[in-house]
Each structure stands twice: as structure tokens, then as C-alpha cells.
Amino acid sequence: MKKINEKTTLKKILEIKGAEEIMAKHNVPCLSCPMASLELEKLEIGKVCEMYGLDLKNILIELNKLK
């Protein structure tokens, strides 16, 4: 898999073992949102972080360490 970046979808990220724990640690709200579960293929981590004021840079650093 390519390096995770701001355009990587939540669906692709959640396919990586350990990614859900990292995203939960950073309070990414879409993991528990019933509506987001319908759009995981379209939601990009960069847009989610922008919407909720999350630290995209640190999330990407941690996620890319998993691979």
C-alpha cells in the first residue's frame, strides 16, 4: 500500500491493523458516526481533520508507522 496522505480514504486506512486505535486516540469522530459508515469510501482523512480541527500531521505520522 502507498503512503497514507491527506487524500487517503477512511476505508483504506481502516484496512490497516492498528489504524482504528490511532484514529480513536486522536478523537476522529467518524469512526462511531452512523452516517459516516455509509461514506467511508469517500471520506478523506485530510477533510475529516479539517472539519474537526484535528492534527493531520501527527495522525499521518502515526498511521504511516503501522505499515
C-alpha atoms as a PDB file:
ATOM      1  CA  MET A   1       0.000   0.000   0.000  1.00  0.00           C
ATOM      2  CA  LYS A   2       1.143   3.538  -0.739  1.00  0.00           C
ATOM      3  CA  LYS A   3       1.985   6.011   1.958  1.00  0.00           C
ATOM      4  CA  ILE A   4      -1.094   7.369   3.722  1.00  0.00           C
ATOM      5  CA  ASN A   5      -1.697  11.033   2.913  1.00  0.00           C
ATOM      6  CA  GLU A   6      -4.462  13.619   3.308  1.00  0.00           C
ATOM      7  CA  LYS A   7      -6.390  12.147   0.367  1.00  0.00           C
ATOM      8  CA  THR A   8      -6.446   8.587   1.696  1.00  0.00           C
ATOM      9  CA  THR A   9      -9.986   7.448   2.467  1.00  0.00           C
ATOM     10  CA  LEU A  10     -11.056   6.236   5.879  1.00  0.00           C
ATOM     11  CA  LYS A  11     -11.984   2.894   4.310  1.00  0.00           C
ATOM     12  CA  LYS A  12      -8.388   2.327   3.129  1.00  0.00           C
ATOM     13  CA  ILE A  13      -6.964   3.463   6.462  1.00  0.00           C
ATOM     14  CA  LEU A  14      -9.235   1.172   8.466  1.00  0.00           C
ATOM     15  CA  GLU A  15      -7.972  -1.816   6.463  1.00  0.00           C
ATOM     16  CA  ILE A  16      -4.619  -1.415   8.255  1.00  0.00           C
ATOM     17  CA  LYS A  17      -4.208  -3.298  11.501  1.00  0.00           C
ATOM     18  CA  GLY A  18      -3.959  -0.856  14.411  1.00  0.00           C
ATOM     19  CA  ALA A  19      -5.233   2.170  12.475  1.00  0.00           C
ATOM     20  CA  GLU A  20      -8.578   2.309  14.254  1.00  0.00           C
ATOM     21  CA  GLU A  21      -6.842   2.614  17.635  1.00  0.00           C
ATOM     22  CA  ILE A  22      -4.679   5.504  16.416  1.00  0.00           C
ATOM     23  CA  MET A  23      -7.662   7.329  14.956  1.00  0.00           C
ATOM     24  CA  ALA A  24      -9.660   6.811  18.158  1.00  0.00           C
ATOM     25  CA  LYS A  25      -6.710   8.145  20.201  1.00  0.00           C
ATOM     26  CA  HIS A  26      -6.833  11.337  18.118  1.00  0.00           C
ATOM     27  CA  ASN A  27     -10.624  11.586  18.535  1.00  0.00           C
ATOM     28  CA  VAL A  28     -11.512  11.104  14.868  1.00  0.00           C
ATOM     29  CA  PRO A  29     -15.317  11.211  15.254  1.00  0.00           C
ATOM     30  CA  CYS A  30     -16.263   9.439  12.040  1.00  0.00           C
ATOM     31  CA  LEU A  31     -15.457   6.004  13.439  1.00  0.00           C
ATOM     32  CA  SER A  32     -18.559   5.965  15.618  1.00  0.00           C
ATOM     33  CA  CYS A  33     -20.854   8.079  13.443  1.00  0.00           C
ATOM     34  CA  PRO A  34     -23.637   6.005  11.855  1.00  0.00           C
ATOM     35  CA  MET A  35     -23.842   8.321   8.842  1.00  0.00           C
ATOM     36  CA  ALA A  36     -20.083   8.246   8.209  1.00  0.00           C
ATOM     37  CA  SER A  37     -20.142   4.458   7.999  1.00  0.00           C
ATOM     38  CA  LEU A  38     -22.121   4.882   4.777  1.00  0.00           C
ATOM     39  CA  GLU A  39     -19.438   7.169   3.332  1.00  0.00           C
ATOM     40  CA  LEU A  40     -16.136   5.623   4.453  1.00  0.00           C
ATOM     41  CA  GLU A  41     -15.182   5.055   0.800  1.00  0.00           C
ATOM     42  CA  LYS A  42     -15.430   8.800   0.092  1.00  0.00           C
ATOM     43  CA  LEU A  43     -14.292  10.457   3.329  1.00  0.00           C
ATOM     44  CA  GLU A  44     -10.655  11.553   3.129  1.00  0.00           C
ATOM     45  CA  ILE A  45      -8.640  11.832   6.337  1.00  0.00           C
ATOM     46  CA  GLY A  46      -7.499  15.338   5.394  1.00  0.00           C
ATOM     47  CA  LYS A  47     -11.054  16.634   5.043  1.00  0.00           C
ATOM     48  CA  VAL A  48     -12.143  14.982   8.291  1.00  0.00           C
ATOM     49  CA  CYS A  49      -9.227  16.575  10.163  1.00  0.00           C
ATOM     50  CA  GLU A  50     -10.008  19.954   8.637  1.00  0.00           C
ATOM     51  CA  MET A  51     -13.697  19.733   9.585  1.00  0.00           C
ATOM     52  CA  TYR A  52     -12.969  18.796  13.190  1.00  0.00           C
ATOM     53  CA  GLY A  53      -9.727  20.729  13.787  1.00  0.00           C
ATOM     54  CA  LEU A  54      -7.632  17.585  14.258  1.00  0.00           C
ATOM     55  CA  ASP A  55      -3.835  17.351  13.947  1.00  0.00           C
ATOM     56  CA  LEU A  56      -3.490  15.790  10.485  1.00  0.00           C
ATOM     57  CA  LYS A  57       0.305  15.819  10.503  1.00  0.00           C
ATOM     58  CA  ASN A  58       0.648  13.748  13.673  1.00  0.00           C
ATOM     59  CA  ILE A  59      -2.148  11.378  12.688  1.00  0.00           C
ATOM     60  CA  LEU A  60      -0.423  10.691   9.352  1.00  0.00           C
ATOM     61  CA  ILE A  61       2.943  10.164  11.055  1.00  0.00           C
ATOM     62  CA  GLU A  62       1.464   7.567  13.404  1.00  0.00           C
ATOM     63  CA  LEU A  63      -0.570   5.826  10.711  1.00  0.00           C
ATOM     64  CA  ASN A  64       2.395   5.542   8.372  1.00  0.00           C
ATOM     65  CA  LYS A  65       4.443   3.876  11.127  1.00  0.00           C
ATOM     66  CA  LEU A  66       1.985   0.958  11.068  1.00  0.00           C
ATOM     67  CA  LYS A  67       2.870  -0.196   7.582  1.00  0.00           C
END
